[in-house]
């Protein structure tokens, strides 16, 4: 078990090192290598955009605009954070702007407090066991479409936290950094988002 954990850590460190080496080479003038950054993150960014917007065209726009901004500002990146975190922070900013400009964006997004009773005990750091598990381990594959629909009903600020934490695999600290929130706020929003999904999918379970 220990050896496996070390192996996973090594693979993760190698990817970080590869990002660093690529960025340094690009900033030194080898701009052709930018295609490697695109190849590495194009699909994950597209999936992120699709989960956030629900439209292929919007997801494609988010990918394109993200890489344009990365190329424009890469020389200013100083490795204060992981490159992937910086990349998703740019993508998140573009996604928020696109949502606000969209004709399909609601005039006023509801608050989850309207649907989930505010219970101080439920907002403690220690989440219930079911809520502490990633969504994809709680729900079976046959619920995927229902899950997508429910995610798109979430208010944007809750959806971002849920997608980054449960689907993109960022830690609480990384999600807080990407969204410029405190870790405590991330935990509260994630907990409420998971509760909302549980309520939305409850009917499906009863039908089955």
N, C-alpha and C. Protein backbone atom coordinates (compact mmCIF):
# COMPACT_ATOMS: atom_id res chain seq x y z
N UNK A 1 0.84 -1.21 0.00
CA UNK A 1 0.00 0.00 0.00
C UNK A 1 0.87 1.26 0.00
N UNK A 2 1.93 1.21 0.85
CA UNK A 2 2.82 2.37 0.93
C UNK A 2 3.53 2.60 -0.40
N UNK A 3 3.96 1.51 -1.02
CA UNK A 3 4.67 1.61 -2.30
C UNK A 3 3.75 2.19 -3.37
N UNK A 4 2.47 1.78 -3.36
CA UNK A 4 1.50 2.28 -4.33
C UNK A 4 1.29 3.77 -4.15
N UNK A 5 1.19 4.23 -2.88
CA UNK A 5 1.01 5.66 -2.60
C UNK A 5 2.21 6.45 -3.09
N UNK A 6 3.41 5.91 -2.88
CA UNK A 6 4.62 6.58 -3.33
C UNK A 6 4.65 6.67 -4.86
N UNK A 7 4.18 5.59 -5.52
CA UNK A 7 4.16 5.57 -6.98
C UNK A 7 3.21 6.63 -7.53
N UNK A 8 2.01 6.74 -6.92
CA UNK A 8 1.04 7.75 -7.35
C UNK A 8 1.60 9.15 -7.15
N UNK A 9 2.28 9.36 -6.02
CA UNK A 9 2.87 10.66 -5.72
C UNK A 9 3.94 11.00 -6.74
N UNK A 10 4.74 9.99 -7.11
CA UNK A 10 5.80 10.22 -8.09
C UNK A 10 5.24 10.60 -9.44
N UNK A 11 4.15 9.92 -9.86
CA UNK A 11 3.53 10.25 -11.14
C UNK A 11 2.99 11.66 -11.13
N UNK A 12 2.38 12.04 -10.00
CA UNK A 12 1.84 13.39 -9.89
C UNK A 12 2.97 14.43 -9.97
N UNK A 13 4.08 14.16 -9.27
CA UNK A 13 5.21 15.08 -9.29
C UNK A 13 5.81 15.19 -10.68
N UNK A 14 5.86 14.06 -11.41
CA UNK A 14 6.40 14.09 -12.77
C UNK A 14 5.56 14.99 -13.66
N UNK A 15 4.21 14.92 -13.48
CA UNK A 15 3.35 15.76 -14.32
C UNK A 15 3.58 17.23 -14.01
N UNK A 16 3.71 17.56 -12.73
CA UNK A 16 3.99 18.94 -12.34
C UNK A 16 5.31 19.39 -12.95
N UNK A 17 6.34 18.51 -12.89
CA UNK A 17 7.64 18.84 -13.45
C UNK A 17 7.56 19.04 -14.97
N UNK A 18 6.74 18.22 -15.62
CA UNK A 18 6.57 18.35 -17.06
C UNK A 18 5.93 19.69 -17.40
N UNK A 19 4.94 20.10 -16.62
CA UNK A 19 4.32 21.40 -16.82
C UNK A 19 5.36 22.51 -16.66
N UNK A 20 6.13 22.41 -15.61
CA UNK A 20 7.14 23.43 -15.33
C UNK A 20 8.16 23.52 -16.46
N UNK A 21 8.64 22.37 -16.90
CA UNK A 21 9.63 22.34 -17.97
C UNK A 21 9.07 22.94 -19.26
N UNK A 22 7.83 22.59 -19.57
CA UNK A 22 7.18 23.12 -20.77
C UNK A 22 7.06 24.64 -20.71
N UNK A 23 6.57 25.12 -19.58
CA UNK A 23 6.34 26.56 -19.42
C UNK A 23 7.66 27.32 -19.53
N UNK A 24 8.69 26.80 -18.87
CA UNK A 24 10.00 27.47 -18.93
C UNK A 24 10.53 27.50 -20.36
N UNK A 25 10.35 26.39 -21.09
CA UNK A 25 10.83 26.33 -22.48
C UNK A 25 10.05 27.30 -23.37
N UNK A 26 8.74 27.37 -23.16
CA UNK A 26 7.90 28.28 -23.95
C UNK A 26 8.31 29.72 -23.67
N UNK A 27 8.49 30.04 -22.41
CA UNK A 27 8.87 31.42 -22.03
C UNK A 27 10.27 31.79 -22.48
N UNK A 28 11.07 30.78 -22.77
CA UNK A 28 12.41 31.04 -23.30
C UNK A 28 12.42 31.18 -24.82
N UNK A 29 11.23 31.04 -25.44
CA UNK A 29 11.13 31.28 -26.87
C UNK A 29 10.66 30.13 -27.73
N UNK A 30 10.53 28.92 -27.14
CA UNK A 30 10.10 27.77 -27.93
C UNK A 30 8.57 27.70 -27.93
N UNK A 31 7.94 28.60 -28.67
CA UNK A 31 6.48 28.73 -28.64
C UNK A 31 5.76 27.54 -29.26
N UNK A 32 6.45 26.77 -30.09
CA UNK A 32 5.82 25.59 -30.69
C UNK A 32 5.39 24.58 -29.63
N UNK A 33 6.05 24.61 -28.47
CA UNK A 33 5.72 23.67 -27.40
C UNK A 33 4.37 23.97 -26.74
N UNK A 34 3.79 25.14 -27.04
CA UNK A 34 2.49 25.46 -26.46
C UNK A 34 1.44 24.43 -26.88
N UNK A 35 1.64 23.82 -28.04
CA UNK A 35 0.72 22.78 -28.50
C UNK A 35 0.66 21.61 -27.52
N UNK A 36 1.76 21.36 -26.80
CA UNK A 36 1.78 20.28 -25.81
C UNK A 36 0.89 20.62 -24.62
N UNK A 37 0.88 21.90 -24.22
CA UNK A 37 -0.01 22.33 -23.13
C UNK A 37 -1.46 22.14 -23.56
N UNK A 38 -1.76 22.54 -24.80
CA UNK A 38 -3.12 22.39 -25.32
C UNK A 38 -3.51 20.92 -25.34
N UNK A 39 -2.63 20.08 -25.84
CA UNK A 39 -2.92 18.65 -25.93
C UNK A 39 -3.18 18.04 -24.55
N UNK A 40 -2.43 18.51 -23.56
CA UNK A 40 -2.53 17.94 -22.21
C UNK A 40 -3.84 18.33 -21.51
N UNK A 41 -4.31 19.57 -21.74
CA UNK A 41 -5.44 20.06 -20.95
C UNK A 41 -6.70 20.38 -21.76
N UNK A 42 -6.65 20.18 -23.07
CA UNK A 42 -7.81 20.52 -23.89
C UNK A 42 -9.06 19.74 -23.50
N UNK A 43 -8.94 18.43 -23.38
CA UNK A 43 -10.09 17.60 -23.05
C UNK A 43 -10.62 17.86 -21.64
N UNK A 44 -9.76 17.92 -20.60
CA UNK A 44 -10.28 18.24 -19.27
C UNK A 44 -11.00 19.59 -19.21
N UNK A 45 -10.45 20.60 -19.91
CA UNK A 45 -11.09 21.92 -19.91
C UNK A 45 -12.44 21.88 -20.63
N UNK A 46 -12.49 21.11 -21.71
CA UNK A 46 -13.76 20.98 -22.44
C UNK A 46 -14.82 20.33 -21.55
N UNK A 47 -14.45 19.27 -20.85
CA UNK A 47 -15.39 18.60 -19.95
C UNK A 47 -15.84 19.53 -18.83
N UNK A 48 -14.91 20.33 -18.32
CA UNK A 48 -15.25 21.30 -17.28
C UNK A 48 -16.27 22.32 -17.83
N UNK A 49 -16.02 22.84 -19.02
CA UNK A 49 -16.93 23.80 -19.62
C UNK A 49 -18.30 23.21 -19.89
N UNK A 50 -18.32 21.94 -20.29
CA UNK A 50 -19.59 21.27 -20.58
C UNK A 50 -20.40 21.08 -19.30
N UNK A 51 -19.72 20.72 -18.22
CA UNK A 51 -20.41 20.53 -16.94
C UNK A 51 -20.96 21.85 -16.41
N UNK A 52 -20.23 22.93 -16.67
CA UNK A 52 -20.64 24.23 -16.17
C UNK A 52 -21.75 24.87 -17.00
N UNK A 53 -21.67 24.71 -18.33
CA UNK A 53 -22.59 25.42 -19.23
C UNK A 53 -23.64 24.51 -19.88
N UNK A 54 -23.32 23.24 -20.04
CA UNK A 54 -24.28 22.32 -20.62
C UNK A 54 -24.41 22.41 -22.13
N UNK A 55 -23.61 23.27 -22.77
CA UNK A 55 -23.67 23.46 -24.22
C UNK A 55 -22.29 23.24 -24.83
N UNK A 56 -22.24 22.44 -25.89
CA UNK A 56 -20.96 22.15 -26.53
C UNK A 56 -20.27 23.41 -27.04
N UNK A 57 -21.05 24.29 -27.67
CA UNK A 57 -20.45 25.51 -28.23
C UNK A 57 -19.84 26.36 -27.14
N UNK A 58 -20.53 26.48 -26.02
CA UNK A 58 -19.99 27.27 -24.89
C UNK A 58 -18.72 26.62 -24.35
N UNK A 59 -18.73 25.29 -24.25
CA UNK A 59 -17.56 24.58 -23.75
C UNK A 59 -16.36 24.79 -24.68
N UNK A 60 -16.61 24.74 -25.97
CA UNK A 60 -15.55 24.97 -26.95
C UNK A 60 -15.00 26.40 -26.84
N UNK A 61 -15.91 27.36 -26.65
CA UNK A 61 -15.48 28.76 -26.49
C UNK A 61 -14.62 28.94 -25.25
N UNK A 62 -15.01 28.27 -24.16
CA UNK A 62 -14.26 28.38 -22.91
C UNK A 62 -12.84 27.83 -23.10
N UNK A 63 -12.72 26.70 -23.79
CA UNK A 63 -11.41 26.12 -24.06
C UNK A 63 -10.56 27.09 -24.89
N UNK A 64 -11.15 27.61 -25.97
CA UNK A 64 -10.40 28.50 -26.85
C UNK A 64 -9.95 29.77 -26.13
N UNK A 65 -10.87 30.40 -25.41
CA UNK A 65 -10.55 31.64 -24.72
C UNK A 65 -9.55 31.41 -23.59
N UNK A 66 -9.66 30.26 -22.94
CA UNK A 66 -8.72 29.95 -21.86
C UNK A 66 -7.30 29.85 -22.40
N UNK A 67 -7.12 29.11 -23.46
CA UNK A 67 -5.77 28.95 -24.02
C UNK A 67 -5.24 30.25 -24.62
N UNK A 68 -6.12 31.07 -25.18
CA UNK A 68 -5.68 32.37 -25.69
C UNK A 68 -5.14 33.22 -24.54
N UNK A 69 -5.84 33.21 -23.41
CA UNK A 69 -5.40 33.98 -22.25
C UNK A 69 -4.13 33.40 -21.64
N UNK A 70 -4.05 32.08 -21.60
CA UNK A 70 -2.84 31.44 -21.07
C UNK A 70 -1.63 31.83 -21.92
N UNK A 71 -1.78 31.76 -23.24
CA UNK A 71 -0.68 32.11 -24.13
C UNK A 71 -0.27 33.58 -23.95
N UNK A 72 -1.28 34.42 -23.75
CA UNK A 72 -1.03 35.86 -23.61
C UNK A 72 -0.30 36.19 -22.31
N UNK A 73 -0.66 35.49 -21.24
CA UNK A 73 -0.13 35.86 -19.91
C UNK A 73 0.86 34.84 -19.33
N UNK A 74 1.24 33.83 -20.11
CA UNK A 74 2.11 32.79 -19.58
C UNK A 74 3.45 33.35 -19.10
N UNK A 75 3.92 34.38 -19.76
CA UNK A 75 5.22 34.98 -19.37
C UNK A 75 5.16 35.59 -17.98
N UNK A 76 3.94 35.90 -17.50
CA UNK A 76 3.78 36.50 -16.17
C UNK A 76 3.56 35.45 -15.08
N UNK A 77 3.43 34.18 -15.47
CA UNK A 77 3.21 33.12 -14.49
C UNK A 77 4.48 32.88 -13.70
N UNK A 78 4.40 32.96 -12.38
CA UNK A 78 5.59 32.88 -11.53
C UNK A 78 5.60 31.64 -10.63
N UNK A 79 4.75 30.67 -10.90
CA UNK A 79 4.73 29.40 -10.16
C UNK A 79 4.40 29.58 -8.68
N UNK A 80 3.62 30.64 -8.37
CA UNK A 80 3.16 30.80 -6.98
C UNK A 80 2.17 29.69 -6.62
N UNK A 81 1.57 29.08 -7.64
CA UNK A 81 0.65 27.97 -7.47
C UNK A 81 0.93 26.96 -8.58
N UNK A 82 0.28 25.82 -8.55
CA UNK A 82 0.42 24.86 -9.64
C UNK A 82 -0.12 25.47 -10.93
N UNK A 83 0.49 25.11 -12.04
CA UNK A 83 0.02 25.62 -13.32
C UNK A 83 -1.44 25.22 -13.56
N UNK A 84 -1.79 23.98 -13.22
CA UNK A 84 -3.17 23.52 -13.44
C UNK A 84 -4.16 24.37 -12.67
N UNK A 85 -3.82 24.77 -11.44
CA UNK A 85 -4.71 25.62 -10.65
C UNK A 85 -4.89 26.98 -11.31
N UNK A 86 -3.78 27.53 -11.80
CA UNK A 86 -3.83 28.82 -12.50
C UNK A 86 -4.67 28.71 -13.77
N UNK A 87 -4.50 27.62 -14.49
CA UNK A 87 -5.25 27.37 -15.72
C UNK A 87 -6.75 27.35 -15.44
N UNK A 88 -7.15 26.63 -14.40
CA UNK A 88 -8.58 26.51 -14.07
C UNK A 88 -9.13 27.82 -13.49
N UNK A 89 -8.28 28.60 -12.89
CA UNK A 89 -8.74 29.91 -12.42
C UNK A 89 -9.11 30.80 -13.60
N UNK A 90 -8.30 30.74 -14.65
CA UNK A 90 -8.61 31.49 -15.88
C UNK A 90 -9.88 30.95 -16.51
N UNK A 91 -10.00 29.63 -16.61
CA UNK A 91 -11.19 29.01 -17.21
C UNK A 91 -12.44 29.36 -16.42
N UNK A 92 -12.32 29.36 -15.10
CA UNK A 92 -13.46 29.69 -14.25
C UNK A 92 -13.92 31.12 -14.47
N UNK A 93 -12.98 32.05 -14.56
CA UNK A 93 -13.30 33.46 -14.80
C UNK A 93 -14.02 33.63 -16.13
N UNK A 94 -13.53 32.95 -17.17
CA UNK A 94 -14.16 33.03 -18.49
C UNK A 94 -15.56 32.42 -18.45
N UNK A 95 -15.68 31.32 -17.75
CA UNK A 95 -16.98 30.64 -17.63
C UNK A 95 -18.01 31.54 -16.96
N UNK A 96 -17.62 32.21 -15.88
CA UNK A 96 -18.53 33.11 -15.17
C UNK A 96 -18.98 34.25 -16.07
N UNK A 97 -18.03 34.85 -16.80
CA UNK A 97 -18.38 35.95 -17.70
C UNK A 97 -19.31 35.48 -18.81
N UNK A 98 -19.06 34.29 -19.34
CA UNK A 98 -19.89 33.76 -20.41
C UNK A 98 -21.30 33.49 -19.92
N UNK A 99 -21.41 32.94 -18.71
CA UNK A 99 -22.72 32.66 -18.13
C UNK A 99 -23.52 33.96 -17.94
N UNK A 100 -22.85 35.00 -17.51
CA UNK A 100 -23.55 36.26 -17.24
C UNK A 100 -24.02 36.94 -18.52
N UNK A 101 -23.29 36.69 -19.63
CA UNK A 101 -23.67 37.28 -20.91
C UNK A 101 -24.69 36.45 -21.66
N UNK A 102 -24.83 35.18 -21.27
CA UNK A 102 -25.71 34.27 -22.00
C UNK A 102 -27.17 34.69 -21.90
N UNK A 103 -27.88 34.57 -23.02
CA UNK A 103 -29.31 34.90 -23.01
C UNK A 103 -30.11 33.85 -22.24
N UNK A 104 -29.46 32.69 -21.99
CA UNK A 104 -30.14 31.63 -21.26
C UNK A 104 -29.90 31.73 -19.75
N UNK A 105 -29.05 32.65 -19.34
CA UNK A 105 -28.77 32.80 -17.91
C UNK A 105 -30.01 33.33 -17.20
N UNK A 106 -30.35 32.79 -16.03
CA UNK A 106 -31.52 33.26 -15.31
C UNK A 106 -31.35 34.69 -14.82
N UNK A 107 -32.47 35.42 -14.73
CA UNK A 107 -32.40 36.79 -14.22
C UNK A 107 -31.93 36.81 -12.77
N UNK A 108 -32.34 35.80 -12.04
CA UNK A 108 -31.93 35.74 -10.63
C UNK A 108 -31.80 34.27 -10.25
N UNK A 109 -30.62 33.88 -9.82
CA UNK A 109 -30.41 32.49 -9.43
C UNK A 109 -30.89 32.29 -8.00
N UNK A 110 -31.59 31.18 -7.80
CA UNK A 110 -32.13 30.90 -6.47
C UNK A 110 -31.00 30.57 -5.51
N UNK A 111 -31.30 30.68 -4.24
CA UNK A 111 -30.34 30.31 -3.21
C UNK A 111 -30.70 28.92 -2.69
N UNK A 112 -29.69 28.11 -2.40
CA UNK A 112 -29.98 26.78 -1.90
C UNK A 112 -30.66 26.81 -0.54
N UNK A 113 -30.53 27.94 0.15
CA UNK A 113 -31.20 28.06 1.43
C UNK A 113 -32.72 27.99 1.27
N UNK A 114 -33.21 28.28 0.05
CA UNK A 114 -34.65 28.21 -0.21
C UNK A 114 -35.13 26.77 -0.24
N UNK A 115 -34.21 25.83 -0.47
CA UNK A 115 -34.59 24.44 -0.63
C UNK A 115 -34.08 23.55 0.48
N UNK A 116 -32.98 23.96 1.10
CA UNK A 116 -32.37 23.14 2.14
C UNK A 116 -32.41 23.90 3.46
N UNK A 117 -33.06 23.36 4.48
CA UNK A 117 -33.13 24.05 5.77
C UNK A 117 -31.74 24.38 6.29
N UNK A 118 -31.59 25.58 6.82
CA UNK A 118 -30.29 26.00 7.35
C UNK A 118 -30.14 25.44 8.76
N UNK A 119 -29.32 24.46 8.88
CA UNK A 119 -29.07 23.80 10.15
C UNK A 119 -27.60 23.98 10.50
N UNK A 120 -27.28 24.76 11.52
CA UNK A 120 -25.88 25.00 11.87
C UNK A 120 -25.09 23.70 12.04
N UNK A 121 -25.75 22.66 12.54
CA UNK A 121 -25.04 21.41 12.76
C UNK A 121 -24.60 20.78 11.45
N UNK A 122 -25.37 21.05 10.39
CA UNK A 122 -25.05 20.46 9.08
C UNK A 122 -23.90 21.18 8.41
N UNK A 123 -23.50 22.32 8.95
CA UNK A 123 -22.45 23.10 8.31
C UNK A 123 -21.11 22.97 9.05
N UNK A 124 -21.04 21.98 9.91
CA UNK A 124 -19.78 21.73 10.60
C UNK A 124 -18.75 21.20 9.61
N UNK A 125 -17.49 21.28 9.99
CA UNK A 125 -16.43 20.79 9.10
C UNK A 125 -16.57 19.30 8.83
N UNK A 126 -17.08 18.57 9.81
CA UNK A 126 -17.19 17.13 9.67
C UNK A 126 -18.46 16.79 8.91
N UNK A 127 -18.32 16.41 7.63
CA UNK A 127 -19.47 16.11 6.81
C UNK A 127 -19.94 14.68 7.04
N UNK A 128 -21.21 14.39 6.73
CA UNK A 128 -21.68 13.00 6.81
C UNK A 128 -20.88 12.11 5.87
N UNK A 129 -20.87 10.82 6.13
CA UNK A 129 -20.06 9.91 5.33
C UNK A 129 -20.43 9.98 3.85
N UNK A 130 -21.76 10.00 3.56
CA UNK A 130 -22.17 10.00 2.15
C UNK A 130 -21.71 11.27 1.44
N UNK A 131 -21.70 12.40 2.18
CA UNK A 131 -21.34 13.68 1.56
C UNK A 131 -19.84 13.82 1.39
N UNK A 132 -19.08 13.03 2.13
CA UNK A 132 -17.62 13.13 2.04
C UNK A 132 -17.07 12.33 0.87
N UNK A 133 -17.94 11.55 0.21
CA UNK A 133 -17.50 10.75 -0.92
C UNK A 133 -17.69 11.50 -2.23
N UNK A 134 -16.78 11.32 -3.19
CA UNK A 134 -16.98 11.93 -4.50
C UNK A 134 -18.28 11.46 -5.12
N UNK A 135 -18.94 12.33 -5.88
CA UNK A 135 -20.23 12.02 -6.47
C UNK A 135 -20.17 10.75 -7.31
N UNK A 136 -19.08 10.57 -8.08
CA UNK A 136 -19.05 9.43 -8.99
C UNK A 136 -18.90 8.09 -8.27
N UNK A 137 -18.58 8.11 -6.97
CA UNK A 137 -18.55 6.86 -6.23
C UNK A 137 -19.86 6.60 -5.51
N UNK A 138 -20.70 7.62 -5.39
CA UNK A 138 -21.98 7.48 -4.71
C UNK A 138 -23.06 7.03 -5.69
N UNK A 139 -22.99 7.52 -6.92
CA UNK A 139 -24.04 7.28 -7.90
C UNK A 139 -23.59 6.31 -8.97
N UNK A 140 -24.50 5.46 -9.38
CA UNK A 140 -24.18 4.51 -10.43
C UNK A 140 -24.23 5.19 -11.79
N UNK A 141 -23.71 4.51 -12.78
CA UNK A 141 -23.58 5.11 -14.12
C UNK A 141 -24.93 5.44 -14.74
N UNK A 142 -25.95 4.67 -14.41
CA UNK A 142 -27.27 4.89 -15.01
C UNK A 142 -27.90 6.20 -14.57
N UNK A 143 -27.37 6.82 -13.53
CA UNK A 143 -27.91 8.10 -13.06
C UNK A 143 -27.19 9.30 -13.68
N UNK A 144 -26.27 9.02 -14.60
CA UNK A 144 -25.41 10.10 -15.11
C UNK A 144 -26.21 11.25 -15.72
N UNK A 145 -27.19 10.93 -16.56
CA UNK A 145 -27.98 11.99 -17.21
C UNK A 145 -28.77 12.80 -16.19
N UNK A 146 -29.37 12.11 -15.22
CA UNK A 146 -30.11 12.80 -14.16
C UNK A 146 -29.17 13.69 -13.36
N UNK A 147 -27.99 13.20 -13.11
CA UNK A 147 -27.00 13.97 -12.36
C UNK A 147 -26.61 15.23 -13.11
N UNK A 148 -26.37 15.10 -14.42
CA UNK A 148 -26.00 16.26 -15.23
C UNK A 148 -27.08 17.33 -15.17
N UNK A 149 -28.34 16.90 -15.30
CA UNK A 149 -29.46 17.85 -15.25
C UNK A 149 -29.50 18.57 -13.91
N UNK A 150 -29.30 17.81 -12.83
CA UNK A 150 -29.35 18.40 -11.49
C UNK A 150 -28.20 19.38 -11.28
N UNK A 151 -27.02 19.04 -11.78
CA UNK A 151 -25.86 19.93 -11.64
C UNK A 151 -26.11 21.26 -12.33
N UNK A 152 -26.72 21.21 -13.52
CA UNK A 152 -26.98 22.44 -14.28
C UNK A 152 -28.05 23.31 -13.61
N UNK A 153 -28.83 22.73 -12.70
CA UNK A 153 -29.82 23.51 -11.96
C UNK A 153 -29.20 24.23 -10.76
N UNK A 154 -28.01 23.81 -10.37
CA UNK A 154 -27.36 24.46 -9.23
C UNK A 154 -27.01 25.90 -9.55
N UNK A 155 -27.14 26.81 -8.59
CA UNK A 155 -26.60 28.17 -8.79
C UNK A 155 -25.12 28.09 -9.10
N UNK A 156 -24.66 29.04 -9.88
CA UNK A 156 -23.28 28.99 -10.40
C UNK A 156 -22.23 28.84 -9.31
N UNK A 157 -22.37 29.59 -8.21
CA UNK A 157 -21.33 29.55 -7.18
C UNK A 157 -21.24 28.17 -6.52
N UNK A 158 -22.38 27.48 -6.42
CA UNK A 158 -22.36 26.13 -5.85
C UNK A 158 -21.88 25.11 -6.89
N UNK A 159 -22.29 25.31 -8.13
CA UNK A 159 -21.90 24.39 -9.20
C UNK A 159 -20.38 24.38 -9.38
N UNK A 160 -19.78 25.57 -9.35
CA UNK A 160 -18.33 25.66 -9.52
C UNK A 160 -17.60 24.85 -8.46
N UNK A 161 -18.03 25.00 -7.22
CA UNK A 161 -17.38 24.27 -6.13
C UNK A 161 -17.56 22.76 -6.31
N UNK A 162 -18.76 22.33 -6.63
CA UNK A 162 -19.04 20.91 -6.79
C UNK A 162 -18.23 20.31 -7.94
N UNK A 163 -18.20 21.00 -9.08
CA UNK A 163 -17.48 20.48 -10.24
C UNK A 163 -15.98 20.42 -9.97
N UNK A 164 -15.43 21.48 -9.40
CA UNK A 164 -13.99 21.50 -9.13
C UNK A 164 -13.59 20.44 -8.11
N UNK A 165 -14.40 20.29 -7.05
CA UNK A 165 -14.04 19.34 -5.98
C UNK A 165 -14.36 17.90 -6.36
N UNK A 166 -15.60 17.65 -6.76
CA UNK A 166 -16.04 16.26 -6.93
C UNK A 166 -15.73 15.69 -8.31
N UNK A 167 -15.57 16.54 -9.30
CA UNK A 167 -15.41 16.03 -10.66
C UNK A 167 -14.05 16.31 -11.26
N UNK A 168 -13.45 17.43 -10.89
CA UNK A 168 -12.11 17.74 -11.40
C UNK A 168 -11.02 17.30 -10.44
N UNK A 169 -11.41 16.95 -9.21
CA UNK A 169 -10.46 16.36 -8.28
C UNK A 169 -9.56 17.33 -7.52
N UNK A 170 -9.91 18.62 -7.52
CA UNK A 170 -9.12 19.58 -6.75
C UNK A 170 -9.42 19.42 -5.26
N UNK A 171 -8.44 19.70 -4.43
CA UNK A 171 -8.64 19.66 -2.98
C UNK A 171 -9.44 20.88 -2.54
N UNK A 172 -9.86 20.87 -1.28
CA UNK A 172 -10.58 22.03 -0.73
C UNK A 172 -9.71 23.28 -0.81
N UNK A 173 -8.44 23.15 -0.44
CA UNK A 173 -7.53 24.30 -0.47
C UNK A 173 -7.33 24.82 -1.89
N UNK A 174 -7.18 23.90 -2.86
CA UNK A 174 -6.99 24.31 -4.25
C UNK A 174 -8.24 24.98 -4.81
N UNK A 175 -9.40 24.41 -4.48
CA UNK A 175 -10.67 25.01 -4.94
C UNK A 175 -10.83 26.41 -4.36
N UNK A 176 -10.49 26.57 -3.11
CA UNK A 176 -10.56 27.89 -2.47
C UNK A 176 -9.64 28.88 -3.18
N UNK A 177 -8.47 28.42 -3.55
CA UNK A 177 -7.51 29.29 -4.24
C UNK A 177 -8.02 29.67 -5.63
N UNK A 178 -8.55 28.71 -6.36
CA UNK A 178 -9.06 28.96 -7.71
C UNK A 178 -10.21 29.96 -7.69
N UNK A 179 -11.11 29.81 -6.70
CA UNK A 179 -12.31 30.63 -6.65
C UNK A 179 -12.17 31.86 -5.75
N UNK A 180 -10.98 32.01 -5.14
CA UNK A 180 -10.74 33.13 -4.23
C UNK A 180 -11.73 33.12 -3.06
N UNK A 181 -11.90 31.94 -2.47
CA UNK A 181 -12.78 31.76 -1.31
C UNK A 181 -11.95 31.24 -0.14
N UNK A 182 -12.55 31.23 1.04
CA UNK A 182 -11.89 30.57 2.17
C UNK A 182 -12.23 29.08 2.10
N UNK A 183 -11.36 28.22 2.63
CA UNK A 183 -11.68 26.79 2.67
C UNK A 183 -13.00 26.51 3.37
N UNK A 184 -13.32 27.29 4.40
CA UNK A 184 -14.59 27.10 5.10
C UNK A 184 -15.78 27.35 4.18
N UNK A 185 -15.70 28.39 3.35
CA UNK A 185 -16.78 28.68 2.41
C UNK A 185 -16.92 27.57 1.37
N UNK A 186 -15.79 27.02 0.94
CA UNK A 186 -15.82 25.92 -0.02
C UNK A 186 -16.55 24.72 0.59
N UNK A 187 -16.23 24.41 1.84
CA UNK A 187 -16.87 23.27 2.51
C UNK A 187 -18.38 23.46 2.64
N UNK A 188 -18.79 24.66 3.00
CA UNK A 188 -20.22 24.92 3.17
C UNK A 188 -20.95 24.80 1.83
N UNK A 189 -20.38 25.42 0.79
CA UNK A 189 -21.04 25.38 -0.52
C UNK A 189 -21.08 23.95 -1.08
N UNK A 190 -19.99 23.22 -0.87
CA UNK A 190 -19.94 21.84 -1.35
C UNK A 190 -20.98 20.99 -0.64
N UNK A 191 -21.09 21.18 0.66
CA UNK A 191 -22.07 20.42 1.44
C UNK A 191 -23.48 20.71 0.97
N UNK A 192 -23.81 21.97 0.77
CA UNK A 192 -25.15 22.34 0.31
C UNK A 192 -25.42 21.83 -1.11
N UNK A 193 -24.40 21.90 -1.97
CA UNK A 193 -24.58 21.41 -3.34
C UNK A 193 -24.85 19.91 -3.34
N UNK A 194 -24.13 19.17 -2.51
CA UNK A 194 -24.34 17.72 -2.44
C UNK A 194 -25.73 17.40 -1.88
N UNK A 195 -26.16 18.16 -0.89
CA UNK A 195 -27.51 17.96 -0.35
C UNK A 195 -28.57 18.23 -1.40
N UNK A 196 -28.36 19.28 -2.19
CA UNK A 196 -29.31 19.62 -3.25
C UNK A 196 -29.40 18.48 -4.27
N UNK A 197 -28.26 17.96 -4.68
CA UNK A 197 -28.27 16.85 -5.63
C UNK A 197 -28.96 15.63 -5.04
N UNK A 198 -28.72 15.39 -3.79
CA UNK A 198 -29.37 14.25 -3.14
C UNK A 198 -30.88 14.40 -3.17
N UNK A 199 -31.37 15.60 -2.90
CA UNK A 199 -32.81 15.85 -2.92
C UNK A 199 -33.38 15.72 -4.33
N UNK A 200 -32.64 16.24 -5.32
CA UNK A 200 -33.11 16.18 -6.71
C UNK A 200 -33.18 14.75 -7.22
N UNK A 201 -32.28 13.90 -6.74
CA UNK A 201 -32.22 12.52 -7.23
C UNK A 201 -33.05 11.57 -6.39
N UNK A 202 -33.61 12.07 -5.31
CA UNK A 202 -34.40 11.22 -4.42
C UNK A 202 -35.58 10.60 -5.17
N UNK A 203 -36.24 11.43 -6.00
CA UNK A 203 -37.39 10.93 -6.75
C UNK A 203 -37.01 9.82 -7.70
N UNK A 204 -35.84 9.92 -8.30
CA UNK A 204 -35.38 8.87 -9.21
C UNK A 204 -35.20 7.55 -8.47
N UNK A 205 -34.64 7.64 -7.28
CA UNK A 205 -34.46 6.41 -6.50
C UNK A 205 -35.79 5.76 -6.17
N UNK A 206 -36.81 6.60 -5.83
CA UNK A 206 -38.11 6.06 -5.49
C UNK A 206 -38.74 5.39 -6.71
N UNK A 207 -38.55 5.98 -7.90
CA UNK A 207 -39.11 5.40 -9.12
C UNK A 207 -38.48 4.05 -9.43
N UNK A 208 -37.20 3.90 -9.11
CA UNK A 208 -36.53 2.64 -9.38
C UNK A 208 -36.94 1.56 -8.40
